[in-house]
Amino acid sequence: MDQLQRLKLQLDIDTADTKQDVLLQGVLDSAKAAILSRRYPYEDYPVDDTGETILELRYFDLQIRIAIYLYNKRGVEGQLSHSENGISRSYESADIPESMLKAVTPYVGVPL
C-alpha cells in the first residue's frame, strides 16, 4: 500500500475517491520535505535513479502523522487558541511541532 492510500485510510477517506488526491499528495510532499530537511541539514537529499528524493522506510509512519497534522490545520494555520461550544484548540507552533520532528535523527557526515 502506498503512502497516499495509507493517508486516506487514516483520514477515513474512501481510497477509490480521487477528488482530494492532489491536496493529500501535497501534504505528504510537505511532510517528506520537513523530514528530509531535518534528516539531512548539511547534505543533499539522497535520490533514486529517477531523481526522486528517497525517504527512509523508518520515517514512513512519521510522514503520515505529519501529513495528518498538516491536513487537519488547513484553514486555521498558525492558530494559537480557539474556543467554541466547549471545544478548545491551540497549536504548539505555526509550523510542524518540534515534538513530531524530534523523532528524526540528523545525518551528519565527516568534514573533508
Foldseek 3Di string as FASTA:
>chain_A
DDLLQVLCVVVVHPSVDCPCVVVLVVLLVVLQVLLQCQAEVPDDADADPVRHGDDDPVCSVLSSVSSVVVVVCPPPQQAAWDDDPRDIDGDPGSHRDPVSNVVRDHDDDDDD
